[in-house]
């Protein structure tokens, strides 16, 4: 699904950028240019970021071996 129409950025691209270390909207803006044009995607970007970070945190909390892994950054 397209999240940022101005730059044709999909939610999958946002998830991948987060998996590769983006932790803030500013990080996503630097990598993907989301929210850098009209800003209409800001709420969706915030939601996608929060959702993915919660998924990652949940996976780490439920996997004892993941607790010893370093942070994504």
N, C-alpha and C. Protein backbone atom coordinates (compact mmCIF):
# COMPACT_ATOMS: atom_id res chain seq x y z
N UNK A 1 0.83 -1.18 0.00
CA UNK A 1 0.00 0.00 0.00
C UNK A 1 0.88 1.25 0.00
N UNK A 2 0.56 2.20 -0.83
CA UNK A 2 1.29 3.47 -0.89
C UNK A 2 0.95 4.29 0.36
N UNK A 3 1.97 4.74 1.06
CA UNK A 3 1.79 5.59 2.23
C UNK A 3 2.08 7.04 1.85
N UNK A 4 3.17 7.25 1.14
CA UNK A 4 3.55 8.61 0.71
C UNK A 4 3.35 8.70 -0.80
N UNK A 5 2.31 9.40 -1.19
CA UNK A 5 1.98 9.53 -2.61
C UNK A 5 3.01 10.39 -3.33
N UNK A 6 3.48 11.43 -2.69
CA UNK A 6 4.44 12.35 -3.33
C UNK A 6 5.70 11.64 -3.78
N UNK A 7 6.16 10.67 -2.97
CA UNK A 7 7.41 9.98 -3.28
C UNK A 7 7.22 8.49 -3.56
N UNK A 8 5.96 8.07 -3.71
CA UNK A 8 5.61 6.68 -4.04
C UNK A 8 6.28 5.68 -3.11
N UNK A 9 6.16 5.93 -1.81
CA UNK A 9 6.76 5.05 -0.80
C UNK A 9 5.67 4.15 -0.22
N UNK A 10 5.96 2.86 -0.20
CA UNK A 10 5.00 1.89 0.31
C UNK A 10 5.25 1.57 1.78
N UNK A 11 4.26 0.97 2.41
CA UNK A 11 4.43 0.54 3.80
C UNK A 11 5.52 -0.52 3.88
N UNK A 12 5.65 -1.36 2.87
CA UNK A 12 6.72 -2.37 2.86
C UNK A 12 8.10 -1.72 2.88
N UNK A 13 8.25 -0.65 2.13
CA UNK A 13 9.53 0.06 2.12
C UNK A 13 9.81 0.68 3.49
N UNK A 14 8.79 1.19 4.13
CA UNK A 14 8.94 1.77 5.47
C UNK A 14 9.35 0.68 6.45
N UNK A 15 8.68 -0.47 6.39
CA UNK A 15 9.02 -1.58 7.29
C UNK A 15 10.47 -2.02 7.08
N UNK A 16 10.89 -2.12 5.84
CA UNK A 16 12.26 -2.53 5.54
C UNK A 16 13.26 -1.51 6.09
N UNK A 17 12.99 -0.23 5.92
CA UNK A 17 13.88 0.81 6.44
C UNK A 17 13.99 0.71 7.97
N UNK A 18 12.88 0.42 8.62
CA UNK A 18 12.90 0.25 10.08
C UNK A 18 13.72 -0.98 10.45
N UNK A 19 13.52 -2.06 9.73
CA UNK A 19 14.29 -3.28 9.98
C UNK A 19 15.78 -3.05 9.77
N UNK A 20 16.12 -2.11 8.91
CA UNK A 20 17.52 -1.78 8.64
C UNK A 20 18.07 -0.71 9.57
N UNK A 21 17.25 -0.25 10.55
CA UNK A 21 17.77 0.66 11.56
C UNK A 21 17.09 1.99 11.74
N UNK A 22 16.16 2.35 10.88
CA UNK A 22 15.44 3.62 11.07
C UNK A 22 14.58 3.52 12.32
N UNK A 23 14.71 4.49 13.21
CA UNK A 23 13.98 4.45 14.48
C UNK A 23 13.05 5.63 14.68
N UNK A 24 13.14 6.63 13.81
CA UNK A 24 12.32 7.84 13.96
C UNK A 24 11.77 8.25 12.60
N UNK A 25 10.80 9.14 12.62
CA UNK A 25 10.28 9.69 11.37
C UNK A 25 11.40 10.43 10.63
N UNK A 26 12.26 11.11 11.36
CA UNK A 26 13.39 11.80 10.73
C UNK A 26 14.30 10.81 10.01
N UNK A 27 14.54 9.65 10.61
CA UNK A 27 15.33 8.61 9.94
C UNK A 27 14.65 8.15 8.66
N UNK A 28 13.33 7.95 8.73
CA UNK A 28 12.58 7.53 7.54
C UNK A 28 12.59 8.62 6.47
N UNK A 29 12.50 9.86 6.90
CA UNK A 29 12.55 10.98 5.95
C UNK A 29 13.90 11.01 5.24
N UNK A 30 14.97 10.81 5.98
CA UNK A 30 16.31 10.82 5.39
C UNK A 30 16.50 9.67 4.40
N UNK A 31 15.94 8.52 4.71
CA UNK A 31 16.11 7.34 3.85
C UNK A 31 15.14 7.30 2.67
N UNK A 32 13.89 7.70 2.92
CA UNK A 32 12.83 7.50 1.93
C UNK A 32 12.14 8.77 1.45
N UNK A 33 12.44 9.89 2.07
CA UNK A 33 11.84 11.19 1.75
C UNK A 33 10.36 11.29 2.13
N UNK A 34 9.88 10.37 2.98
CA UNK A 34 8.49 10.49 3.45
C UNK A 34 8.35 11.76 4.27
N UNK A 35 7.19 12.35 4.23
CA UNK A 35 6.82 13.59 4.95
C UNK A 35 7.60 14.81 4.49
N UNK A 36 8.38 14.70 3.43
CA UNK A 36 9.23 15.83 3.01
C UNK A 36 8.57 16.75 1.99
N UNK A 37 7.44 16.35 1.45
CA UNK A 37 6.76 17.18 0.45
C UNK A 37 5.52 17.81 1.09
N UNK A 38 4.35 17.27 0.83
CA UNK A 38 3.10 17.88 1.32
C UNK A 38 2.81 17.57 2.78
N UNK A 39 3.35 16.48 3.31
CA UNK A 39 3.14 16.12 4.71
C UNK A 39 1.87 15.36 4.99
N UNK A 40 1.07 15.09 3.97
CA UNK A 40 -0.20 14.37 4.19
C UNK A 40 0.01 12.95 4.72
N UNK A 41 1.18 12.40 4.53
CA UNK A 41 1.45 11.03 4.97
C UNK A 41 1.96 10.95 6.40
N UNK A 42 2.15 12.07 7.06
CA UNK A 42 2.79 12.08 8.39
C UNK A 42 2.11 11.15 9.39
N UNK A 43 0.80 11.18 9.46
CA UNK A 43 0.09 10.33 10.43
C UNK A 43 0.28 8.86 10.09
N UNK A 44 0.20 8.51 8.80
CA UNK A 44 0.38 7.12 8.40
C UNK A 44 1.81 6.65 8.64
N UNK A 45 2.77 7.53 8.43
CA UNK A 45 4.17 7.18 8.68
C UNK A 45 4.37 6.94 10.17
N UNK A 46 3.84 7.83 11.01
CA UNK A 46 3.92 7.66 12.46
C UNK A 46 3.32 6.32 12.89
N UNK A 47 2.15 6.00 12.35
CA UNK A 47 1.48 4.75 12.70
C UNK A 47 2.28 3.54 12.25
N UNK A 48 2.81 3.57 11.03
CA UNK A 48 3.60 2.45 10.52
C UNK A 48 4.86 2.26 11.35
N UNK A 49 5.50 3.35 11.72
CA UNK A 49 6.70 3.30 12.55
C UNK A 49 6.38 2.69 13.91
N UNK A 50 5.36 3.20 14.57
CA UNK A 50 4.99 2.69 15.90
C UNK A 50 4.61 1.22 15.84
N UNK A 51 3.83 0.85 14.83
CA UNK A 51 3.38 -0.54 14.68
C UNK A 51 4.58 -1.48 14.50
N UNK A 52 5.52 -1.11 13.64
CA UNK A 52 6.67 -1.98 13.37
C UNK A 52 7.59 -2.07 14.59
N UNK A 53 7.82 -0.95 15.26
CA UNK A 53 8.67 -0.98 16.45
C UNK A 53 8.05 -1.84 17.54
N UNK A 54 6.72 -1.80 17.68
CA UNK A 54 6.04 -2.67 18.65
C UNK A 54 6.16 -4.13 18.25
N UNK A 55 6.06 -4.42 16.96
CA UNK A 55 6.23 -5.81 16.49
C UNK A 55 7.62 -6.31 16.83
N UNK A 56 8.62 -5.49 16.59
CA UNK A 56 10.00 -5.88 16.86
C UNK A 56 10.20 -6.08 18.36
N UNK A 57 9.69 -5.16 19.17
CA UNK A 57 9.82 -5.28 20.62
C UNK A 57 9.11 -6.53 21.13
N UNK A 58 7.94 -6.81 20.59
CA UNK A 58 7.20 -8.00 20.99
C UNK A 58 7.93 -9.28 20.63
N UNK A 59 8.53 -9.31 19.46
CA UNK A 59 9.29 -10.49 19.03
C UNK A 59 10.49 -10.71 19.94
N UNK A 60 11.15 -9.64 20.30
CA UNK A 60 12.32 -9.76 21.19
C UNK A 60 11.90 -10.21 22.58
N UNK A 61 10.78 -9.70 23.06
CA UNK A 61 10.31 -10.05 24.40
C UNK A 61 9.89 -11.52 24.48
N UNK A 62 9.36 -12.05 23.39
CA UNK A 62 8.88 -13.43 23.40
C UNK A 62 9.96 -14.44 23.03
N UNK A 63 11.12 -13.97 22.59
CA UNK A 63 12.21 -14.86 22.18
C UNK A 63 13.39 -14.66 23.13
N UNK A 64 13.60 -15.59 24.07
CA UNK A 64 14.68 -15.43 25.04
C UNK A 64 16.06 -15.23 24.40
N UNK A 65 16.31 -15.87 23.27
CA UNK A 65 17.62 -15.70 22.62
C UNK A 65 17.79 -14.31 22.04
N UNK A 66 16.70 -13.63 21.73
CA UNK A 66 16.77 -12.29 21.15
C UNK A 66 17.14 -11.24 22.18
N UNK A 67 16.95 -11.54 23.44
CA UNK A 67 17.26 -10.56 24.49
C UNK A 67 18.74 -10.22 24.54
N UNK A 68 19.58 -11.14 24.09
CA UNK A 68 21.02 -10.88 24.12
C UNK A 68 21.52 -10.21 22.84
N UNK A 69 20.63 -10.03 21.87
CA UNK A 69 21.02 -9.39 20.63
C UNK A 69 21.19 -7.89 20.84
N UNK A 70 22.12 -7.29 20.12
CA UNK A 70 22.28 -5.84 20.23
C UNK A 70 21.08 -5.12 19.63
N UNK A 71 20.94 -3.87 20.00
CA UNK A 71 19.88 -3.04 19.43
C UNK A 71 20.07 -2.95 17.93
N UNK A 72 19.00 -2.57 17.20
CA UNK A 72 19.08 -2.51 15.75
C UNK A 72 19.99 -1.41 15.25
N UNK A 73 20.38 -0.55 16.12
CA UNK A 73 21.25 0.54 15.71
C UNK A 73 22.54 0.51 16.43
